[in-house]
Protein backbone atom coordinates (compact mmCIF):
# COMPACT_ATOMS: atom_id res chain seq x y z
CA MET A 1 -4.94 21.73 202.33
CA LYS A 2 -1.70 23.23 201.33
CA ALA A 3 -0.75 23.48 197.39
CA MET A 4 2.67 25.51 195.47
CA ILE A 5 1.78 26.86 191.89
CA LEU A 6 4.95 26.79 189.46
CA ALA A 7 4.80 30.72 188.52
CA ALA A 8 8.86 31.44 187.79
CA GLY A 9 8.74 30.23 184.37
CA LEU A 10 10.45 32.59 181.90
CA GLY A 11 6.72 32.21 179.41
CA THR A 12 8.71 32.85 176.21
CA ARG A 13 5.38 31.57 174.49
CA LEU A 14 3.73 34.31 175.62
CA ARG A 15 6.58 37.07 174.08
CA PRO A 16 6.47 40.27 173.85
CA TRP A 17 4.10 40.23 177.34
CA THR A 18 7.06 38.23 179.40
CA GLU A 19 9.73 40.37 178.11
CA ARG A 20 8.79 43.10 180.67
CA HIS A 21 6.27 41.01 182.84
CA PRO A 22 6.06 37.52 184.69
CA LYS A 23 3.82 34.83 182.71
CA ALA A 24 1.80 34.86 186.47
CA LEU A 25 0.61 37.83 185.83
CA VAL A 26 -1.01 37.85 182.23
CA PRO A 27 -4.66 39.17 182.19
CA VAL A 28 -6.96 36.49 181.69
CA GLY A 29 -10.10 38.01 181.02
CA GLY A 30 -9.06 41.35 183.14
CA VAL A 31 -7.88 38.72 185.77
CA PRO A 32 -4.09 38.00 186.17
CA MET A 33 -3.57 34.61 185.77
CA LEU A 34 -1.96 33.63 189.27
CA GLU A 35 -4.87 35.31 190.93
CA ARG A 36 -7.37 32.83 189.04
CA VAL A 37 -5.67 29.74 189.86
CA ILE A 38 -5.62 31.08 193.35
CA HIS A 39 -9.23 31.44 193.53
CA SER A 40 -9.81 28.35 191.93
CA LEU A 41 -7.88 26.47 194.75
CA ALA A 42 -9.26 28.23 197.46
CA SER A 43 -13.08 27.27 196.28
CA GLN A 44 -11.77 23.77 196.63
CA GLY A 45 -10.34 24.34 200.13
CA PHE A 46 -6.55 24.57 199.49
CA ASP A 47 -5.85 27.31 202.19
CA GLU A 48 -1.75 27.19 202.46
CA ILE A 49 0.09 27.94 199.15
CA VAL A 50 2.93 28.56 198.80
CA VAL A 51 4.04 30.54 194.78
CA ASN A 52 8.14 30.32 193.54
CA VAL A 53 9.19 33.06 191.81
CA HIS A 54 11.96 33.97 189.28
CA HIS A 55 11.35 35.79 186.27
CA PHE A 56 10.44 39.66 186.94
CA ALA A 57 10.14 37.81 190.71
CA SER A 58 9.76 41.34 191.88
CA GLN A 59 6.28 42.32 190.06
CA ILE A 60 4.44 39.00 191.68
CA ILE A 61 5.98 39.70 195.00
CA ASP A 62 4.29 43.54 195.04
CA TYR A 63 1.08 41.96 193.30
CA LEU A 64 0.81 39.35 196.50
CA LYS A 65 1.61 42.17 198.90
CA THR A 66 -1.48 44.23 197.79
CA ALA A 67 -3.97 41.52 196.56
CA ARG A 68 -6.34 39.89 199.13
CA PHE A 69 -7.60 36.29 199.08
CA GLU A 70 -10.53 35.04 201.56
CA ASN A 71 -9.80 31.97 203.71
CA VAL A 72 -6.07 31.51 202.01
CA SER A 73 -2.64 32.44 203.10
CA VAL A 74 -0.13 32.82 200.55
CA GLU A 75 4.26 33.05 200.71
CA VAL A 76 6.69 33.22 198.13
CA SER A 77 9.44 31.15 197.52
CA ASP A 78 12.28 33.19 195.87
CA GLU A 79 14.06 31.84 192.82
CA SER A 80 15.27 34.75 192.13
CA GLY A 81 19.32 33.86 192.08
CA LEU A 82 18.48 30.66 189.84
CA LEU A 83 15.56 29.50 188.33
CA LEU A 84 15.11 25.90 189.50
CA ASP A 85 12.72 24.43 187.09
CA THR A 86 10.24 22.69 188.24
CA GLY A 87 12.14 19.79 190.44
CA GLY A 88 14.08 21.86 191.98
CA GLY A 89 11.20 24.63 192.79
CA ILE A 90 9.85 22.10 194.99
CA VAL A 91 12.68 20.70 196.42
CA HIS A 92 14.04 24.73 197.36
CA ALA A 93 10.40 25.21 198.66
CA ALA A 94 10.40 22.31 200.87
CA ASP A 95 10.31 23.77 204.31
CA LYS A 96 7.07 25.49 203.54
CA LEU A 97 5.70 22.56 202.23
CA CYS A 98 6.31 19.77 204.23
CA ALA A 99 6.58 21.36 207.59
CA ASP A 100 3.90 19.04 208.37
CA ASN A 101 4.25 16.12 206.85
CA ARG A 102 1.10 16.34 205.41
CA PRO A 103 0.69 15.62 201.10
CA PHE A 104 0.44 19.03 199.06
CA LEU A 105 -0.83 19.67 195.61
CA VAL A 106 1.43 21.13 192.49
CA HIS A 107 -0.46 23.06 189.89
CA ASN A 108 1.08 24.78 187.03
CA VAL A 109 0.23 28.70 186.97
CA ASP A 110 -1.01 28.85 183.44
CA ILE A 111 -3.43 26.16 183.63
CA LEU A 112 -7.39 26.38 184.59
CA THR A 113 -8.99 23.63 184.72
CA ASP A 114 -12.78 22.61 187.02
CA ALA A 115 -10.77 18.86 187.60
CA ASP A 116 -11.69 17.96 191.17
CA LEU A 117 -8.57 18.50 192.95
CA ARG A 118 -10.12 17.00 196.47
CA SER A 119 -10.86 14.50 194.77
CA LEU A 120 -7.34 13.77 193.66
CA MET A 121 -5.76 14.89 197.09
CA GLU A 122 -8.16 12.02 198.80
CA ARG A 123 -7.09 9.55 196.10
CA HIS A 124 -3.40 10.36 196.65
CA GLU A 125 -4.00 9.85 200.70
CA SER A 126 -5.71 7.08 200.67
CA GLY A 127 -3.31 5.36 198.24
CA GLU A 128 0.24 3.93 198.47
CA ALA A 129 1.97 5.81 196.16
CA ASP A 130 4.24 9.06 196.92
CA ALA A 131 3.14 11.44 193.67
CA THR A 132 -0.42 10.96 191.80
CA LEU A 133 -0.74 12.98 188.58
CA LEU A 134 -4.01 14.47 187.40
CA VAL A 135 -4.53 12.71 184.07
CA SER A 136 -7.20 12.41 181.20
CA ASN A 137 -8.32 10.78 178.55
CA ARG A 138 -8.01 13.90 176.00
CA ASP A 139 -6.18 15.07 172.83
CA SER A 140 -2.58 15.87 173.60
CA SER A 141 0.49 15.03 171.72
CA ARG A 142 2.36 13.91 174.46
CA LYS A 143 0.86 11.24 176.52
CA LEU A 144 1.69 9.27 180.09
CA LEU A 145 1.58 5.58 179.70
CA ALA A 146 -0.09 3.81 182.97
CA ASP A 147 -0.40 -0.14 183.41
CA ASP A 148 -3.76 -1.67 184.63
CA SER A 149 -2.94 -0.45 188.04
CA GLY A 150 -2.73 2.90 187.66
CA LYS A 151 0.75 2.71 187.71
CA LEU A 152 2.88 5.00 185.81
CA VAL A 153 5.51 3.54 183.37
CA GLY A 154 6.17 5.96 180.75
CA TRP A 155 6.04 8.97 178.64
CA HIS A 156 4.76 8.88 174.53
CA ASN A 157 5.85 12.09 172.19
CA LEU A 158 2.79 10.95 169.83
CA ASN A 159 4.29 14.00 167.07
CA THR A 160 7.92 12.46 166.68
CA ASP A 161 7.06 8.22 168.22
CA ALA A 162 9.63 8.95 170.72
CA TYR A 163 9.58 7.46 174.33
CA ARG A 164 10.82 7.64 178.10
CA PRO A 165 12.47 6.32 180.14
CA ALA A 166 15.69 5.32 177.67
CA GLY A 167 14.78 1.49 176.74
CA PHE A 168 11.14 1.98 177.30
CA ILE A 169 9.20 -1.26 174.91
CA PRO A 170 5.87 -0.03 174.54
CA ASP A 171 2.83 -2.54 175.11
CA PHE A 172 -0.27 -2.47 173.63
CA THR A 173 -1.92 -2.95 177.21
CA PHE A 174 -0.61 0.89 178.40
CA ARG A 175 -3.26 3.75 178.41
CA GLU A 176 -1.90 6.79 176.91
CA LEU A 177 -3.56 9.95 179.29
CA ALA A 178 -2.82 13.36 178.92
CA PHE A 179 -1.14 14.67 181.88
CA SER A 180 -2.86 18.36 183.44
CA GLY A 181 0.54 19.80 184.81
CA ILE A 182 -1.34 19.12 188.33
CA TYR A 183 -0.35 16.32 190.69
CA ALA A 184 -0.07 15.41 194.30
CA LEU A 185 2.79 14.66 196.38
CA SER A 186 3.77 13.50 199.94
CA PRO A 187 7.35 14.86 201.11
CA SER A 188 8.90 11.90 201.20
CA ALA A 189 8.59 12.29 197.67
CA VAL A 190 10.52 16.14 197.97
CA ALA A 191 13.05 14.18 200.62
CA GLU A 192 13.99 11.53 197.60
CA MET A 193 14.42 13.63 195.28
CA LYS A 194 16.41 16.09 197.45
CA SER A 195 18.80 12.63 197.88
CA ILE A 196 19.05 12.67 194.20
CA PHE A 197 19.23 16.19 192.96
CA GLY A 198 20.77 17.85 196.09
CA ASP A 199 20.01 21.76 195.44
CA ALA A 200 20.59 21.68 191.39
CA PRO A 201 17.23 22.44 188.95
CA PHE A 202 15.58 19.58 187.35
CA PRO A 203 12.48 18.84 186.07
CA VAL A 204 10.02 16.92 188.03
CA MET A 205 8.77 14.66 185.18
CA ASP A 206 12.89 13.47 184.67
CA PHE A 207 11.84 12.10 188.09
CA PHE A 208 9.35 10.50 187.91
CA LEU A 209 10.19 8.85 184.91
CA ASN A 210 13.84 7.87 185.44
CA GLU A 211 14.66 8.45 189.37
CA MET A 212 11.82 7.42 191.57
CA ARG A 213 12.13 4.57 193.35
CA LYS A 214 10.84 4.60 196.66
CA SER A 215 7.22 4.51 195.55
CA ALA A 216 6.20 4.61 191.86
CA ALA A 217 3.92 7.47 190.62
CA VAL A 218 -0.11 6.55 189.66
CA CYS A 219 -2.16 8.21 187.58
CA ASP A 220 -5.95 9.73 188.68
CA GLU A 221 -8.43 9.97 185.78
CA GLN A 222 -10.62 12.46 185.46
CA THR A 223 -13.22 13.98 183.39
CA PHE A 224 -12.59 17.86 183.43
CA SER A 225 -12.16 20.88 181.10
CA ILE A 226 -8.85 22.42 180.88
CA ILE A 227 -7.04 25.60 179.76
CA ASP A 228 -3.64 25.76 179.07
CA ILE A 229 -3.21 29.20 178.74
CA GLY A 230 0.13 28.93 178.79
CA LYS A 231 0.14 29.15 174.42
CA PRO A 232 -0.84 32.58 172.58
CA GLU A 233 -3.92 30.67 170.49
CA SER A 234 -5.32 28.68 173.85
CA LEU A 235 -5.13 32.25 176.16
CA ARG A 236 -7.16 34.11 173.17
CA ARG A 237 -9.72 31.50 173.87
CA ALA A 238 -9.76 31.54 177.24
CA ASN A 239 -10.03 35.67 177.46
CA GLU A 240 -12.69 34.85 174.46
CA LEU A 241 -14.48 32.80 177.11
CA PHE A 242 -14.15 35.06 180.21
CA MET A 243 -15.01 38.39 178.51
CA GLY A 244 -18.09 37.05 177.20
CA GLU A 245 -18.92 35.66 180.99
CA ALA A 246 -18.43 38.93 182.25
CA SER A 247 -20.63 40.18 179.49
CA SER A 248 -23.62 38.15 179.97
CA ASN A 249 -23.63 39.07 183.82
CA LYS A 250 -23.88 42.38 183.37
């Protein structure tokens, strides 16, 4: 199975580290977050991984040249010239991701989770949607809205009570679910992105909410633990967790 790790971002929430280093190499319990995500994906059967890079790209490229991962190959999608955002980054890596015309996983580099990603891929491949988003019923200030069939219909910011897409009318029957930053995509979705946005930068959520015409995105709800290590407070908790595990294993 193939996966793309989105690792090109500026990591502004993790300054001052990211003023001299890429977010992807922030240590989590002494191990770069990128390494933890690669090992997690490999443990679930993902053996071909693409990592996009932009901010301090050379540091990630140099790290991957020396890193050793069992039973997994890692390629780089270089965005050094222009940061393409989440959607543009996927389109830029399409040749690496879609050559075999099989679905692939997209995973934010700053997410650690024990979610069943193999099950997510199976759910996606057995369905008809071009995108399947991993969600859960957990606390979050921003929620995706799904109808009773699981189809993605909108987005809700609970802090501001703003909805997307424009003109969206809330319905009490819609379920509000927290997005994980992880999703399965079919090559047909990437082709549609390319036809709409070309090579321009764009957030993938704009595509899911506003532009996805051929086949709607659906939500795969699971129960899992998740840590967004792109936030300073949750990064501290993750460090405490992994350092505690290391101490207990001595």
